[in-house]
Amino acid sequence: MTELRVAVSRLRRQLAAYPAELPDRPIAEEELAALAAMTVGGVPETDRLHRSLLLLAGAIGSVSALAQGLTRVRAAVELFGERRRGAMDGGASG
């Protein structure tokens, strides 16, 4: 849980400091706030974690200055286990 809390906090600070206008900034801020709330309310629901991660990736995934922070959030989310096999990799089975 600590890894997720730290990663989310760091990405929130990076996003707040990012000077350029981002059309989907409100979405990213909302999902980061949701992730932060999940870290204080016990064990988060895995599906909800993945949903937030997908929304974040869509909102800020193309911003290279935020890529490392997003990668850290993704790694922290993955510590909670895979959702349904193939849901994050386009449906490939393995």
N, C-alpha and C. Protein backbone atom coordinates (compact mmCIF):
# COMPACT_ATOMS: atom_id res chain seq x y z
N MET A 1 0.82 -1.19 0.00
CA MET A 1 0.00 0.00 0.00
C MET A 1 0.87 1.26 0.00
N THR A 2 1.99 1.19 0.69
CA THR A 2 2.89 2.34 0.76
C THR A 2 3.39 2.74 -0.61
N GLU A 3 3.73 1.74 -1.44
CA GLU A 3 4.24 2.03 -2.78
C GLU A 3 3.22 2.82 -3.60
N LEU A 4 1.97 2.42 -3.51
CA LEU A 4 0.92 3.11 -4.25
C LEU A 4 0.73 4.53 -3.71
N ARG A 5 0.70 4.67 -2.42
CA ARG A 5 0.53 6.00 -1.80
C ARG A 5 1.64 6.95 -2.24
N VAL A 6 2.88 6.47 -2.20
CA VAL A 6 4.02 7.31 -2.57
C VAL A 6 3.98 7.64 -4.06
N ALA A 7 3.70 6.65 -4.90
CA ALA A 7 3.66 6.88 -6.35
C ALA A 7 2.57 7.86 -6.73
N VAL A 8 1.41 7.72 -6.13
CA VAL A 8 0.29 8.63 -6.42
C VAL A 8 0.62 10.04 -5.96
N SER A 9 1.16 10.17 -4.78
CA SER A 9 1.52 11.48 -4.25
C SER A 9 2.55 12.17 -5.15
N ARG A 10 3.53 11.42 -5.58
CA ARG A 10 4.58 11.97 -6.45
C ARG A 10 4.00 12.42 -7.79
N LEU A 11 3.14 11.60 -8.38
CA LEU A 11 2.55 11.96 -9.67
C LEU A 11 1.62 13.16 -9.52
N ARG A 12 0.91 13.25 -8.43
CA ARG A 12 0.05 14.42 -8.19
C ARG A 12 0.88 15.70 -8.15
N ARG A 13 2.02 15.65 -7.48
CA ARG A 13 2.90 16.82 -7.42
C ARG A 13 3.45 17.16 -8.80
N GLN A 14 3.86 16.13 -9.55
CA GLN A 14 4.39 16.36 -10.90
C GLN A 14 3.33 16.97 -11.81
N LEU A 15 2.12 16.47 -11.72
CA LEU A 15 1.03 17.00 -12.55
C LEU A 15 0.72 18.45 -12.16
N ALA A 16 0.70 18.73 -10.88
CA ALA A 16 0.43 20.10 -10.42
C ALA A 16 1.50 21.08 -10.90
N ALA A 17 2.73 20.61 -10.99
CA ALA A 17 3.84 21.47 -11.41
C ALA A 17 3.98 21.56 -12.93
N TYR A 18 3.30 20.69 -13.65
CA TYR A 18 3.42 20.68 -15.12
C TYR A 18 2.74 21.93 -15.67
N PRO A 19 3.51 22.78 -16.36
CA PRO A 19 2.98 24.09 -16.74
C PRO A 19 2.04 24.12 -17.95
N ALA A 20 2.16 23.17 -18.82
CA ALA A 20 1.36 23.20 -20.05
C ALA A 20 -0.10 22.86 -19.76
N GLU A 21 -0.96 23.39 -20.60
CA GLU A 21 -2.38 23.07 -20.48
C GLU A 21 -2.62 21.66 -21.01
N LEU A 22 -3.34 20.88 -20.25
CA LEU A 22 -3.70 19.53 -20.66
C LEU A 22 -5.22 19.44 -20.68
N PRO A 23 -5.80 19.07 -21.81
CA PRO A 23 -7.26 19.01 -21.88
C PRO A 23 -7.87 18.03 -20.88
N ASP A 24 -7.16 16.96 -20.58
CA ASP A 24 -7.69 15.93 -19.67
C ASP A 24 -7.12 16.02 -18.26
N ARG A 25 -6.53 17.16 -17.92
CA ARG A 25 -5.97 17.33 -16.58
C ARG A 25 -7.01 17.06 -15.48
N PRO A 26 -8.24 17.59 -15.62
CA PRO A 26 -9.23 17.32 -14.56
C PRO A 26 -9.50 15.82 -14.35
N ILE A 27 -9.49 15.06 -15.43
CA ILE A 27 -9.69 13.61 -15.31
C ILE A 27 -8.52 12.99 -14.54
N ALA A 28 -7.30 13.38 -14.90
CA ALA A 28 -6.13 12.85 -14.22
C ALA A 28 -6.14 13.22 -12.74
N GLU A 29 -6.47 14.47 -12.44
CA GLU A 29 -6.52 14.91 -11.05
C GLU A 29 -7.58 14.14 -10.26
N GLU A 30 -8.72 13.92 -10.89
CA GLU A 30 -9.81 13.18 -10.23
C GLU A 30 -9.40 11.74 -9.93
N GLU A 31 -8.77 11.09 -10.90
CA GLU A 31 -8.37 9.69 -10.69
C GLU A 31 -7.23 9.58 -9.69
N LEU A 32 -6.32 10.54 -9.70
CA LEU A 32 -5.25 10.53 -8.69
C LEU A 32 -5.83 10.73 -7.29
N ALA A 33 -6.83 11.59 -7.18
CA ALA A 33 -7.50 11.79 -5.89
C ALA A 33 -8.21 10.50 -5.45
N ALA A 34 -8.84 9.83 -6.40
CA ALA A 34 -9.52 8.56 -6.08
C ALA A 34 -8.51 7.51 -5.63
N LEU A 35 -7.38 7.42 -6.33
CA LEU A 35 -6.35 6.46 -5.93
C LEU A 35 -5.80 6.79 -4.55
N ALA A 36 -5.59 8.07 -4.28
CA ALA A 36 -5.09 8.48 -2.97
C ALA A 36 -6.09 8.08 -1.88
N ALA A 37 -7.37 8.27 -2.14
CA ALA A 37 -8.40 7.89 -1.17
C ALA A 37 -8.41 6.39 -0.93
N MET A 38 -8.17 5.62 -1.98
CA MET A 38 -8.16 4.16 -1.84
C MET A 38 -7.02 3.69 -0.96
N THR A 39 -5.94 4.44 -0.90
CA THR A 39 -4.79 4.01 -0.11
C THR A 39 -5.00 4.19 1.38
N VAL A 40 -6.02 4.95 1.76
CA VAL A 40 -6.28 5.14 3.19
C VAL A 40 -7.49 4.35 3.67
N GLY A 41 -8.21 3.74 2.76
CA GLY A 41 -9.44 3.04 3.13
C GLY A 41 -9.31 1.53 3.17
N GLY A 42 -8.16 1.01 3.49
CA GLY A 42 -7.98 -0.44 3.51
C GLY A 42 -7.50 -0.95 2.17
N VAL A 43 -7.70 -2.22 1.91
CA VAL A 43 -7.24 -2.83 0.65
C VAL A 43 -8.16 -2.39 -0.48
N PRO A 44 -7.61 -1.73 -1.49
CA PRO A 44 -8.46 -1.24 -2.58
C PRO A 44 -8.96 -2.36 -3.48
N GLU A 45 -10.05 -2.09 -4.14
CA GLU A 45 -10.64 -3.02 -5.09
C GLU A 45 -9.78 -3.03 -6.36
N THR A 46 -9.32 -4.19 -6.76
CA THR A 46 -8.41 -4.31 -7.89
C THR A 46 -9.00 -3.76 -9.18
N ASP A 47 -10.25 -4.05 -9.46
CA ASP A 47 -10.88 -3.54 -10.68
C ASP A 47 -10.90 -2.02 -10.70
N ARG A 48 -11.16 -1.42 -9.56
CA ARG A 48 -11.19 0.04 -9.47
C ARG A 48 -9.80 0.63 -9.67
N LEU A 49 -8.78 -0.03 -9.13
CA LEU A 49 -7.40 0.41 -9.34
C LEU A 49 -7.06 0.42 -10.82
N HIS A 50 -7.41 -0.66 -11.50
CA HIS A 50 -7.09 -0.76 -12.92
C HIS A 50 -7.88 0.24 -13.75
N ARG A 51 -9.11 0.48 -13.37
CA ARG A 51 -9.92 1.48 -14.08
C ARG A 51 -9.28 2.86 -13.96
N SER A 52 -8.87 3.21 -12.76
CA SER A 52 -8.20 4.50 -12.55
C SER A 52 -6.91 4.59 -13.34
N LEU A 53 -6.16 3.50 -13.36
CA LEU A 53 -4.91 3.48 -14.11
C LEU A 53 -5.16 3.69 -15.60
N LEU A 54 -6.18 3.04 -16.14
CA LEU A 54 -6.50 3.21 -17.56
C LEU A 54 -6.93 4.64 -17.87
N LEU A 55 -7.72 5.24 -17.00
CA LEU A 55 -8.13 6.63 -17.20
C LEU A 55 -6.94 7.57 -17.11
N LEU A 56 -6.04 7.31 -16.18
CA LEU A 56 -4.83 8.12 -16.07
C LEU A 56 -3.97 8.00 -17.33
N ALA A 57 -3.80 6.78 -17.80
CA ALA A 57 -3.00 6.57 -19.00
C ALA A 57 -3.60 7.30 -20.19
N GLY A 58 -4.91 7.28 -20.30
CA GLY A 58 -5.57 8.00 -21.38
C GLY A 58 -5.44 9.50 -21.25
N ALA A 59 -5.44 10.00 -20.02
CA ALA A 59 -5.40 11.44 -19.79
C ALA A 59 -4.01 12.04 -19.92
N ILE A 60 -2.99 11.32 -19.43
CA ILE A 60 -1.64 11.91 -19.41
C ILE A 60 -0.57 10.99 -19.97
N GLY A 61 -0.96 9.87 -20.53
CA GLY A 61 0.00 8.89 -21.01
C GLY A 61 0.93 9.38 -22.11
N SER A 62 0.52 10.40 -22.85
CA SER A 62 1.36 10.90 -23.95
C SER A 62 2.29 12.02 -23.51
N VAL A 63 2.25 12.39 -22.24
CA VAL A 63 3.08 13.49 -21.73
C VAL A 63 4.38 12.90 -21.20
N SER A 64 5.46 13.08 -21.95
CA SER A 64 6.72 12.44 -21.59
C SER A 64 7.24 12.90 -20.22
N ALA A 65 6.97 14.13 -19.84
CA ALA A 65 7.43 14.63 -18.55
C ALA A 65 6.77 13.92 -17.37
N LEU A 66 5.62 13.29 -17.62
CA LEU A 66 4.89 12.59 -16.55
C LEU A 66 5.00 11.07 -16.68
N ALA A 67 5.71 10.60 -17.68
CA ALA A 67 5.76 9.17 -17.97
C ALA A 67 6.35 8.35 -16.83
N GLN A 68 7.42 8.83 -16.23
CA GLN A 68 8.05 8.05 -15.16
C GLN A 68 7.11 7.94 -13.95
N GLY A 69 6.44 9.01 -13.63
CA GLY A 69 5.48 8.97 -12.52
C GLY A 69 4.34 8.03 -12.79
N LEU A 70 3.83 8.05 -14.03
CA LEU A 70 2.75 7.15 -14.41
C LEU A 70 3.22 5.70 -14.36
N THR A 71 4.45 5.45 -14.78
CA THR A 71 5.01 4.10 -14.73
C THR A 71 5.10 3.60 -13.29
N ARG A 72 5.45 4.48 -12.38
CA ARG A 72 5.53 4.10 -10.96
C ARG A 72 4.15 3.78 -10.39
N VAL A 73 3.15 4.56 -10.80
CA VAL A 73 1.79 4.27 -10.34
C VAL A 73 1.36 2.92 -10.89
N ARG A 74 1.65 2.67 -12.16
CA ARG A 74 1.28 1.38 -12.76
C ARG A 74 1.94 0.22 -12.01
N ALA A 75 3.23 0.35 -11.73
CA ALA A 75 3.94 -0.71 -11.01
C ALA A 75 3.32 -0.94 -9.63
N ALA A 76 2.93 0.13 -8.97
CA ALA A 76 2.31 0.00 -7.64
C ALA A 76 0.94 -0.67 -7.74
N VAL A 77 0.17 -0.33 -8.77
CA VAL A 77 -1.13 -0.97 -8.97
C VAL A 77 -0.95 -2.45 -9.24
N GLU A 78 0.06 -2.80 -10.01
CA GLU A 78 0.30 -4.20 -10.35
C GLU A 78 0.67 -5.04 -9.13
N LEU A 79 1.13 -4.42 -8.06
CA LEU A 79 1.43 -5.16 -6.84
C LEU A 79 0.18 -5.77 -6.21
N PHE A 80 -0.99 -5.26 -6.59
CA PHE A 80 -2.24 -5.78 -6.05
C PHE A 80 -2.76 -6.97 -6.84
N GLY A 81 -2.00 -7.43 -7.81
CA GLY A 81 -2.38 -8.61 -8.58
C GLY A 81 -3.10 -8.25 -9.86
N GLU A 82 -3.11 -9.20 -10.74
CA GLU A 82 -3.77 -9.00 -12.03
C GLU A 82 -5.27 -9.08 -11.85
N ARG A 83 -5.94 -8.32 -12.63
CA ARG A 83 -7.39 -8.33 -12.66
C ARG A 83 -7.80 -9.65 -13.29
N ARG A 84 -8.39 -9.61 -14.41
CA ARG A 84 -8.68 -10.84 -15.14
C ARG A 84 -7.59 -11.00 -16.19
N ARG A 85 -7.06 -12.17 -16.34
CA ARG A 85 -5.97 -12.42 -17.27
C ARG A 85 -6.32 -11.88 -18.65
N GLY A 86 -5.44 -11.06 -19.19
CA GLY A 86 -5.64 -10.53 -20.52
C GLY A 86 -6.34 -9.20 -20.58
N ALA A 87 -6.88 -8.72 -19.48
CA ALA A 87 -7.63 -7.46 -19.51
C ALA A 87 -6.73 -6.26 -19.79
N MET A 88 -5.49 -6.31 -19.36
CA MET A 88 -4.59 -5.19 -19.57
C MET A 88 -3.69 -5.39 -20.79
N ASP A 89 -3.67 -6.57 -21.37
CA ASP A 89 -2.77 -6.81 -22.50
C ASP A 89 -3.50 -7.11 -23.79
N GLY A 90 -4.70 -6.59 -23.92
CA GLY A 90 -5.43 -6.74 -25.16
C GLY A 90 -6.10 -8.09 -25.35
N GLY A 91 -6.21 -8.86 -24.28
CA GLY A 91 -6.92 -10.13 -24.36
C GLY A 91 -6.05 -11.33 -24.66
N ALA A 92 -4.75 -11.14 -24.76
CA ALA A 92 -3.88 -12.28 -25.03
C ALA A 92 -3.87 -13.20 -23.81
N SER A 93 -3.84 -14.46 -24.06
CA SER A 93 -3.79 -15.41 -22.95
C SER A 93 -2.41 -16.01 -22.87
N GLY A 94 -2.07 -16.46 -21.67
CA GLY A 94 -0.73 -17.00 -21.56
C GLY A 94 -0.56 -17.99 -20.50
